[in-house]
Amino acid sequence: MNAPRTARCRGGALLEVLLALALFVAAAAVVTTALNASLASLERQRLNTQAVNLAASVLSEIQLGIRPAAAEARRPLPSPYADWSSEIVVANAGGDSFDAANPNQIEVVLRHESPPLVQRLAQVIGRPGTGTSTNAPGPLR
């Protein structure tokens, strides 16, 4: 009579251990999935921030006159930004007529290859000769 009771206790203990192991594996899977999602979100945020900074740099170069305020086809950026490519799109912000009084809308399109990401940043910039300086600033005195 003692032998079946001992076997039943051992079976119950084994069932408890298996149940605890299954719960541990499920909890580990949930935590791992959440951690991976968090890291992927962090990487997307880092790339978006880098894209906005690069686009702002391109717009600043146009405002300073380092780059012309003209459309450019898609081209890769120099190292260390080899995974990025930039494109400049110019549109007339003042309507259909293209006269000197109408400003241009300059849009910088940045693309990242892997993971794929597209970031656009636009700004209205006056045309040369309309009072908006496109020359680089002189030395400070």
N, C-alpha and C. Protein backbone atom coordinates (compact mmCIF):
# COMPACT_ATOMS: atom_id res chain seq x y z
N MET A 1 0.81 -1.17 0.00
CA MET A 1 0.00 0.00 0.00
C MET A 1 0.86 1.26 0.00
N ASN A 2 2.03 1.20 0.54
CA ASN A 2 2.95 2.31 0.58
C ASN A 2 3.54 2.60 -0.81
N ALA A 3 3.76 1.57 -1.62
CA ALA A 3 4.39 1.74 -2.92
C ALA A 3 3.51 2.56 -3.87
N PRO A 4 2.22 2.34 -4.02
CA PRO A 4 1.43 3.17 -4.93
C PRO A 4 1.34 4.62 -4.48
N ARG A 5 1.32 4.84 -3.18
CA ARG A 5 1.24 6.20 -2.68
C ARG A 5 2.54 6.97 -3.00
N THR A 6 3.68 6.34 -2.89
CA THR A 6 4.96 6.95 -3.22
C THR A 6 5.04 7.24 -4.71
N ALA A 7 4.56 6.34 -5.54
CA ALA A 7 4.57 6.55 -6.99
C ALA A 7 3.66 7.72 -7.35
N ARG A 8 2.52 7.83 -6.66
CA ARG A 8 1.60 8.93 -6.92
C ARG A 8 2.24 10.27 -6.53
N CYS A 9 2.96 10.31 -5.43
CA CYS A 9 3.65 11.53 -5.00
C CYS A 9 4.74 11.92 -5.99
N ARG A 10 5.47 10.89 -6.46
CA ARG A 10 6.51 11.17 -7.44
C ARG A 10 5.89 11.70 -8.74
N GLY A 11 4.79 11.13 -9.17
CA GLY A 11 4.10 11.59 -10.38
C GLY A 11 3.61 13.02 -10.22
N GLY A 12 3.08 13.34 -9.03
CA GLY A 12 2.61 14.70 -8.77
C GLY A 12 3.76 15.70 -8.76
N ALA A 13 4.88 15.32 -8.18
CA ALA A 13 6.06 16.19 -8.15
C ALA A 13 6.60 16.41 -9.56
N LEU A 14 6.62 15.34 -10.36
CA LEU A 14 7.08 15.45 -11.74
C LEU A 14 6.16 16.37 -12.54
N LEU A 15 4.87 16.25 -12.33
CA LEU A 15 3.91 17.11 -13.02
C LEU A 15 4.11 18.57 -12.61
N GLU A 16 4.37 18.84 -11.35
CA GLU A 16 4.63 20.20 -10.88
C GLU A 16 5.90 20.77 -11.50
N VAL A 17 6.94 19.96 -11.59
CA VAL A 17 8.20 20.41 -12.19
C VAL A 17 8.00 20.72 -13.67
N LEU A 18 7.28 19.86 -14.38
CA LEU A 18 7.03 20.10 -15.81
C LEU A 18 6.19 21.34 -16.02
N LEU A 19 5.20 21.56 -15.18
CA LEU A 19 4.36 22.75 -15.27
C LEU A 19 5.19 24.01 -14.99
N ALA A 20 6.04 23.97 -13.98
CA ALA A 20 6.90 25.11 -13.66
C ALA A 20 7.87 25.40 -14.82
N LEU A 21 8.41 24.34 -15.41
CA LEU A 21 9.32 24.51 -16.55
C LEU A 21 8.59 25.14 -17.73
N ALA A 22 7.37 24.69 -18.01
CA ALA A 22 6.59 25.26 -19.12
C ALA A 22 6.28 26.73 -18.86
N LEU A 23 5.93 27.09 -17.62
CA LEU A 23 5.66 28.48 -17.30
C LEU A 23 6.93 29.34 -17.43
N PHE A 24 8.06 28.80 -17.03
CA PHE A 24 9.33 29.53 -17.16
C PHE A 24 9.66 29.76 -18.62
N VAL A 25 9.50 28.76 -19.47
CA VAL A 25 9.80 28.90 -20.90
C VAL A 25 8.87 29.92 -21.54
N ALA A 26 7.59 29.89 -21.17
CA ALA A 26 6.64 30.87 -21.72
C ALA A 26 7.00 32.29 -21.29
N ALA A 27 7.35 32.46 -20.03
CA ALA A 27 7.74 33.80 -19.54
C ALA A 27 9.01 34.27 -20.23
N ALA A 28 9.97 33.39 -20.42
CA ALA A 28 11.21 33.76 -21.11
C ALA A 28 10.93 34.16 -22.56
N ALA A 29 10.01 33.47 -23.21
CA ALA A 29 9.65 33.80 -24.60
C ALA A 29 9.00 35.18 -24.67
N VAL A 30 8.13 35.49 -23.73
CA VAL A 30 7.47 36.80 -23.71
C VAL A 30 8.49 37.91 -23.48
N VAL A 31 9.39 37.72 -22.53
CA VAL A 31 10.40 38.74 -22.23
C VAL A 31 11.34 38.92 -23.41
N THR A 32 11.74 37.84 -24.05
CA THR A 32 12.64 37.93 -25.21
C THR A 32 11.97 38.66 -26.37
N THR A 33 10.70 38.37 -26.62
CA THR A 33 9.97 39.05 -27.69
C THR A 33 9.85 40.54 -27.41
N ALA A 34 9.55 40.89 -26.17
CA ALA A 34 9.45 42.30 -25.81
C ALA A 34 10.79 43.01 -25.95
N LEU A 35 11.86 42.36 -25.57
CA LEU A 35 13.19 42.95 -25.69
C LEU A 35 13.57 43.15 -27.16
N ASN A 36 13.28 42.18 -28.01
CA ASN A 36 13.57 42.32 -29.44
C ASN A 36 12.77 43.45 -30.06
N ALA A 37 11.49 43.57 -29.70
CA ALA A 37 10.66 44.66 -30.23
C ALA A 37 11.20 46.01 -29.77
N SER A 38 11.64 46.09 -28.53
CA SER A 38 12.20 47.33 -28.00
C SER A 38 13.48 47.72 -28.73
N LEU A 39 14.35 46.77 -28.99
CA LEU A 39 15.60 47.05 -29.70
C LEU A 39 15.34 47.46 -31.14
N ALA A 40 14.36 46.82 -31.79
CA ALA A 40 14.02 47.20 -33.17
C ALA A 40 13.45 48.62 -33.21
N SER A 41 12.63 48.96 -32.25
CA SER A 41 12.08 50.32 -32.17
C SER A 41 13.19 51.34 -31.93
N LEU A 42 14.13 51.01 -31.09
CA LEU A 42 15.25 51.90 -30.81
C LEU A 42 16.09 52.13 -32.06
N GLU A 43 16.32 51.09 -32.85
CA GLU A 43 17.08 51.21 -34.10
C GLU A 43 16.34 52.08 -35.11
N ARG A 44 15.02 51.91 -35.23
CA ARG A 44 14.22 52.75 -36.12
C ARG A 44 14.30 54.22 -35.70
N GLN A 45 14.20 54.46 -34.41
CA GLN A 45 14.28 55.83 -33.90
C GLN A 45 15.66 56.43 -34.17
N ARG A 46 16.71 55.65 -34.00
CA ARG A 46 18.06 56.15 -34.27
C ARG A 46 18.23 56.51 -35.74
N LEU A 47 17.73 55.64 -36.64
CA LEU A 47 17.84 55.91 -38.07
C LEU A 47 17.01 57.12 -38.47
N ASN A 48 15.80 57.27 -37.91
CA ASN A 48 14.98 58.44 -38.23
C ASN A 48 15.65 59.72 -37.77
N THR A 49 16.25 59.71 -36.60
CA THR A 49 16.95 60.89 -36.10
C THR A 49 18.15 61.22 -36.99
N GLN A 50 18.88 60.21 -37.38
CA GLN A 50 20.04 60.43 -38.26
C GLN A 50 19.58 60.96 -39.62
N ALA A 51 18.46 60.47 -40.14
CA ALA A 51 17.95 60.94 -41.43
C ALA A 51 17.53 62.40 -41.36
N VAL A 52 16.85 62.79 -40.29
CA VAL A 52 16.45 64.20 -40.15
C VAL A 52 17.67 65.09 -40.03
N ASN A 53 18.68 64.66 -39.29
CA ASN A 53 19.91 65.45 -39.15
C ASN A 53 20.63 65.60 -40.49
N LEU A 54 20.70 64.52 -41.27
CA LEU A 54 21.35 64.60 -42.58
C LEU A 54 20.57 65.51 -43.52
N ALA A 55 19.24 65.41 -43.50
CA ALA A 55 18.42 66.26 -44.36
C ALA A 55 18.56 67.73 -43.96
N ALA A 56 18.60 68.01 -42.66
CA ALA A 56 18.80 69.39 -42.21
C ALA A 56 20.16 69.91 -42.64
N SER A 57 21.16 69.06 -42.65
CA SER A 57 22.49 69.46 -43.10
C SER A 57 22.48 69.82 -44.59
N VAL A 58 21.77 69.03 -45.39
CA VAL A 58 21.68 69.32 -46.83
C VAL A 58 20.95 70.64 -47.05
N LEU A 59 19.85 70.87 -46.33
CA LEU A 59 19.12 72.14 -46.46
C LEU A 59 19.99 73.31 -46.02
N SER A 60 20.77 73.13 -44.98
CA SER A 60 21.67 74.19 -44.52
C SER A 60 22.74 74.50 -45.57
N GLU A 61 23.26 73.47 -46.22
CA GLU A 61 24.24 73.69 -47.28
C GLU A 61 23.63 74.49 -48.43
N ILE A 62 22.37 74.23 -48.73
CA ILE A 62 21.69 74.99 -49.79
C ILE A 62 21.51 76.44 -49.36
N GLN A 63 21.10 76.65 -48.11
CA GLN A 63 20.91 78.02 -47.62
C GLN A 63 22.21 78.80 -47.58
N LEU A 64 23.31 78.13 -47.28
CA LEU A 64 24.61 78.80 -47.23
C LEU A 64 25.23 78.99 -48.60
N GLY A 65 24.68 78.38 -49.63
CA GLY A 65 25.21 78.50 -50.97
C GLY A 65 26.29 77.49 -51.28
N ILE A 66 26.51 76.54 -50.40
CA ILE A 66 27.51 75.49 -50.67
C ILE A 66 27.00 74.55 -51.75
N ARG A 67 25.71 74.28 -51.74
CA ARG A 67 25.05 73.48 -52.78
C ARG A 67 24.10 74.37 -53.55
N PRO A 68 23.93 74.12 -54.84
CA PRO A 68 22.95 74.91 -55.59
C PRO A 68 21.53 74.49 -55.21
N ALA A 69 20.61 75.44 -55.31
CA ALA A 69 19.19 75.15 -55.04
C ALA A 69 18.57 74.59 -56.30
N ALA A 70 19.07 73.44 -56.72
CA ALA A 70 18.60 72.79 -57.94
C ALA A 70 18.32 71.33 -57.65
N ALA A 71 17.46 70.75 -58.47
CA ALA A 71 17.11 69.35 -58.29
C ALA A 71 18.33 68.47 -58.54
N GLU A 72 18.44 67.43 -57.74
CA GLU A 72 19.52 66.44 -57.90
C GLU A 72 18.89 65.07 -57.91
N ALA A 73 19.41 64.22 -58.78
CA ALA A 73 18.95 62.83 -58.80
C ALA A 73 19.47 62.10 -57.57
N ARG A 74 18.92 60.96 -57.34
CA ARG A 74 19.32 60.15 -56.18
C ARG A 74 20.79 59.74 -56.33
N ARG A 75 21.56 60.03 -55.26
CA ARG A 75 22.97 59.66 -55.27
C ARG A 75 23.39 59.26 -53.86
N PRO A 76 24.34 58.34 -53.75
CA PRO A 76 24.77 57.90 -52.41
C PRO A 76 25.57 58.99 -51.71
N LEU A 77 25.45 58.98 -50.38
CA LEU A 77 26.23 59.92 -49.57
C LEU A 77 27.63 59.35 -49.35
N PRO A 78 28.60 60.22 -49.09
CA PRO A 78 29.97 59.73 -48.88
C PRO A 78 30.09 58.98 -47.55
N SER A 79 31.19 58.29 -47.39
CA SER A 79 31.46 57.55 -46.17
C SER A 79 31.52 58.53 -45.00
N PRO A 80 31.05 58.24 -43.87
CA PRO A 80 30.59 56.98 -43.28
C PRO A 80 29.09 56.73 -43.46
N TYR A 81 28.45 57.43 -44.36
CA TYR A 81 27.01 57.29 -44.58
C TYR A 81 26.74 56.53 -45.88
N ALA A 82 27.48 55.46 -46.11
CA ALA A 82 27.40 54.72 -47.37
C ALA A 82 26.05 54.06 -47.57
N ASP A 83 25.33 53.76 -46.49
CA ASP A 83 24.02 53.13 -46.62
C ASP A 83 22.93 54.13 -46.97
N TRP A 84 23.24 55.42 -46.97
CA TRP A 84 22.27 56.47 -47.22
C TRP A 84 22.42 57.02 -48.64
N SER A 85 21.30 57.44 -49.22
CA SER A 85 21.33 58.16 -50.49
C SER A 85 20.41 59.37 -50.35
N SER A 86 20.74 60.44 -51.09
CA SER A 86 19.95 61.66 -51.00
C SER A 86 19.45 62.06 -52.38
N GLU A 87 18.34 62.76 -52.38
CA GLU A 87 17.74 63.29 -53.60
C GLU A 87 17.16 64.65 -53.24
N ILE A 88 17.30 65.62 -54.14
CA ILE A 88 16.76 66.95 -53.91
C ILE A 88 15.69 67.21 -54.96
N VAL A 89 14.50 67.58 -54.48
CA VAL A 89 13.38 67.89 -55.36
C VAL A 89 13.04 69.36 -55.15
N VAL A 90 12.94 70.11 -56.26
CA VAL A 90 12.64 71.53 -56.19
C VAL A 90 11.28 71.77 -56.83
N ALA A 91 10.42 72.48 -56.11
CA ALA A 91 9.12 72.85 -56.63
C ALA A 91 8.89 74.33 -56.38
N ASN A 92 8.09 74.97 -57.23
CA ASN A 92 7.78 76.38 -57.05
C ASN A 92 6.70 76.50 -55.99
N ALA A 93 6.99 77.18 -54.89
CA ALA A 93 6.04 77.31 -53.79
C ALA A 93 5.04 78.42 -54.02
N GLY A 94 5.25 79.27 -55.02
CA GLY A 94 4.39 80.42 -55.22
C GLY A 94 3.29 80.21 -56.24
N GLY A 95 3.10 79.02 -56.72
CA GLY A 95 2.05 78.78 -57.71
C GLY A 95 2.64 78.27 -59.01
N ASP A 96 1.89 78.52 -60.11
CA ASP A 96 2.29 77.99 -61.41
C ASP A 96 3.31 78.87 -62.13
N SER A 97 3.33 80.16 -61.83
CA SER A 97 4.24 81.05 -62.55
C SER A 97 5.63 81.00 -61.93
N PHE A 98 6.63 80.88 -62.77
CA PHE A 98 8.01 80.81 -62.31
C PHE A 98 8.68 82.16 -62.56
N ASP A 99 8.43 83.11 -61.68
CA ASP A 99 9.14 84.37 -61.79
C ASP A 99 10.06 84.53 -60.58
N ALA A 100 10.87 85.57 -60.58
CA ALA A 100 11.89 85.73 -59.55
C ALA A 100 11.31 85.99 -58.17
N ALA A 101 10.06 86.45 -58.10
CA ALA A 101 9.48 86.77 -56.79
C ALA A 101 8.99 85.53 -56.06
N ASN A 102 8.81 84.42 -56.77
CA ASN A 102 8.28 83.21 -56.14
C ASN A 102 9.40 82.39 -55.54
N PRO A 103 9.24 81.96 -54.31
CA PRO A 103 10.27 81.12 -53.69
C PRO A 103 10.17 79.67 -54.15
N ASN A 104 11.19 78.92 -53.85
CA ASN A 104 11.22 77.49 -54.16
C ASN A 104 10.96 76.68 -52.91
N GLN A 105 10.28 75.57 -53.09
CA GLN A 105 10.18 74.60 -52.01
C GLN A 105 11.22 73.53 -52.29
N ILE A 106 12.20 73.43 -51.40
CA ILE A 106 13.27 72.45 -51.55
C ILE A 106 12.92 71.26 -50.65
N GLU A 107 12.86 70.09 -51.24
CA GLU A 107 12.57 68.88 -50.47
C GLU A 107 13.77 67.94 -50.58
N VAL A 108 14.27 67.53 -49.44
CA VAL A 108 15.38 66.58 -49.40
C VAL A 108 14.80 65.22 -49.04
N VAL A 109 15.07 64.23 -49.89
CA VAL A 109 14.59 62.87 -49.67
C VAL A 109 15.80 62.00 -49.37
N LEU A 110 15.81 61.44 -48.17
CA LEU A 110 16.91 60.55 -47.78
C LEU A 110 16.39 59.13 -47.69
N ARG A 111 17.18 58.20 -48.20
CA ARG A 111 16.80 56.79 -48.18
C ARG A 111 17.92 55.97 -47.55
N HIS A 112 17.52 55.01 -46.73
CA HIS A 112 18.47 54.08 -46.13
C HIS A 112 18.18 52.72 -46.74
N GLU A 113 19.23 51.99 -47.08
CA GLU A 113 19.06 50.72 -47.79
C GLU A 113 18.56 49.60 -46.90
N SER A 114 19.25 49.36 -45.80
CA SER A 114 18.87 48.22 -44.96
C SER A 114 19.01 48.60 -43.51
N PRO A 115 17.96 48.65 -42.75
CA PRO A 115 16.56 48.42 -43.11
C PRO A 115 16.04 49.58 -43.96
N PRO A 116 15.06 49.29 -44.83
CA PRO A 116 14.56 50.34 -45.72
C PRO A 116 13.87 51.45 -44.93
N LEU A 117 14.25 52.69 -45.27
CA LEU A 117 13.70 53.86 -44.59
C LEU A 117 13.73 55.03 -45.56
N VAL A 118 12.66 55.81 -45.60
CA VAL A 118 12.60 57.02 -46.42
C VAL A 118 12.20 58.17 -45.50
N GLN A 119 12.98 59.24 -45.55
CA GLN A 119 12.71 60.43 -44.74
C GLN A 119 12.70 61.63 -45.67
N ARG A 120 11.66 62.46 -45.55
CA ARG A 120 11.55 63.67 -46.37
C ARG A 120 11.54 64.89 -45.47
N LEU A 121 12.25 65.93 -45.89
CA LEU A 121 12.27 67.19 -45.16
C LEU A 121 12.21 68.31 -46.19
N ALA A 122 11.24 69.21 -46.04
CA ALA A 122 11.05 70.28 -47.02
C ALA A 122 11.11 71.63 -46.33
N GLN A 123 11.54 72.64 -47.10
CA GLN A 123 11.59 74.01 -46.61
C GLN A 123 11.44 74.94 -47.80
N VAL A 124 10.77 76.06 -47.57
CA VAL A 124 10.63 77.07 -48.60
C VAL A 124 11.81 78.02 -48.49
N ILE A 125 12.53 78.16 -49.60
CA ILE A 125 13.73 79.00 -49.66
C ILE A 125 13.57 79.98 -50.80
N GLY A 126 13.85 81.26 -50.53
CA GLY A 126 13.74 82.28 -51.56
C GLY A 126 14.76 82.07 -52.67
N ARG A 127 14.39 82.55 -53.85
CA ARG A 127 15.31 82.44 -54.98
C ARG A 127 16.42 83.48 -54.87
N PRO A 128 17.56 83.21 -55.47
CA PRO A 128 18.64 84.20 -55.45
C PRO A 128 18.18 85.51 -56.08
N GLY A 129 18.58 86.64 -55.49
CA GLY A 129 18.21 87.94 -56.02
C GLY A 129 16.91 88.46 -55.46
N THR A 130 16.27 87.74 -54.54
CA THR A 130 15.01 88.21 -53.96
C THR A 130 15.19 88.68 -52.53
N GLY A 131 16.41 88.95 -52.14
CA GLY A 131 16.65 89.42 -50.78
C GLY A 131 17.12 88.34 -49.85
N THR A 132 17.06 87.08 -50.25
CA THR A 132 17.52 85.99 -49.43
C THR A 132 18.96 85.67 -49.83
N SER A 133 19.84 85.78 -48.90
CA SER A 133 21.26 85.55 -49.19
C SER A 133 21.53 84.06 -49.32
N THR A 134 22.20 83.69 -50.41
CA THR A 134 22.61 82.29 -50.58
C THR A 134 24.12 82.17 -50.54
N ASN A 135 24.80 83.25 -50.20
CA ASN A 135 26.26 83.21 -50.11
C ASN A 135 26.66 82.75 -48.72
N ALA A 136 27.82 82.13 -48.65
CA ALA A 136 28.34 81.74 -47.34
C ALA A 136 28.70 82.98 -46.55
N PRO A 137 28.51 82.94 -45.25
CA PRO A 137 28.81 84.13 -44.43
C PRO A 137 30.31 84.42 -44.43
N GLY A 138 30.63 85.69 -44.29
CA GLY A 138 32.03 86.10 -44.25
C GLY A 138 32.60 85.91 -42.86
N PRO A 139 33.88 86.26 -42.68
CA PRO A 139 34.50 86.08 -41.35
C PRO A 139 33.89 87.05 -40.35
N LEU A 140 33.86 86.62 -39.11
CA LEU A 140 33.35 87.47 -38.04
C LEU A 140 34.40 88.51 -37.68
N ARG A 141 33.95 89.69 -37.34
CA ARG A 141 34.90 90.76 -36.97
C ARG A 141 34.70 91.15 -35.55
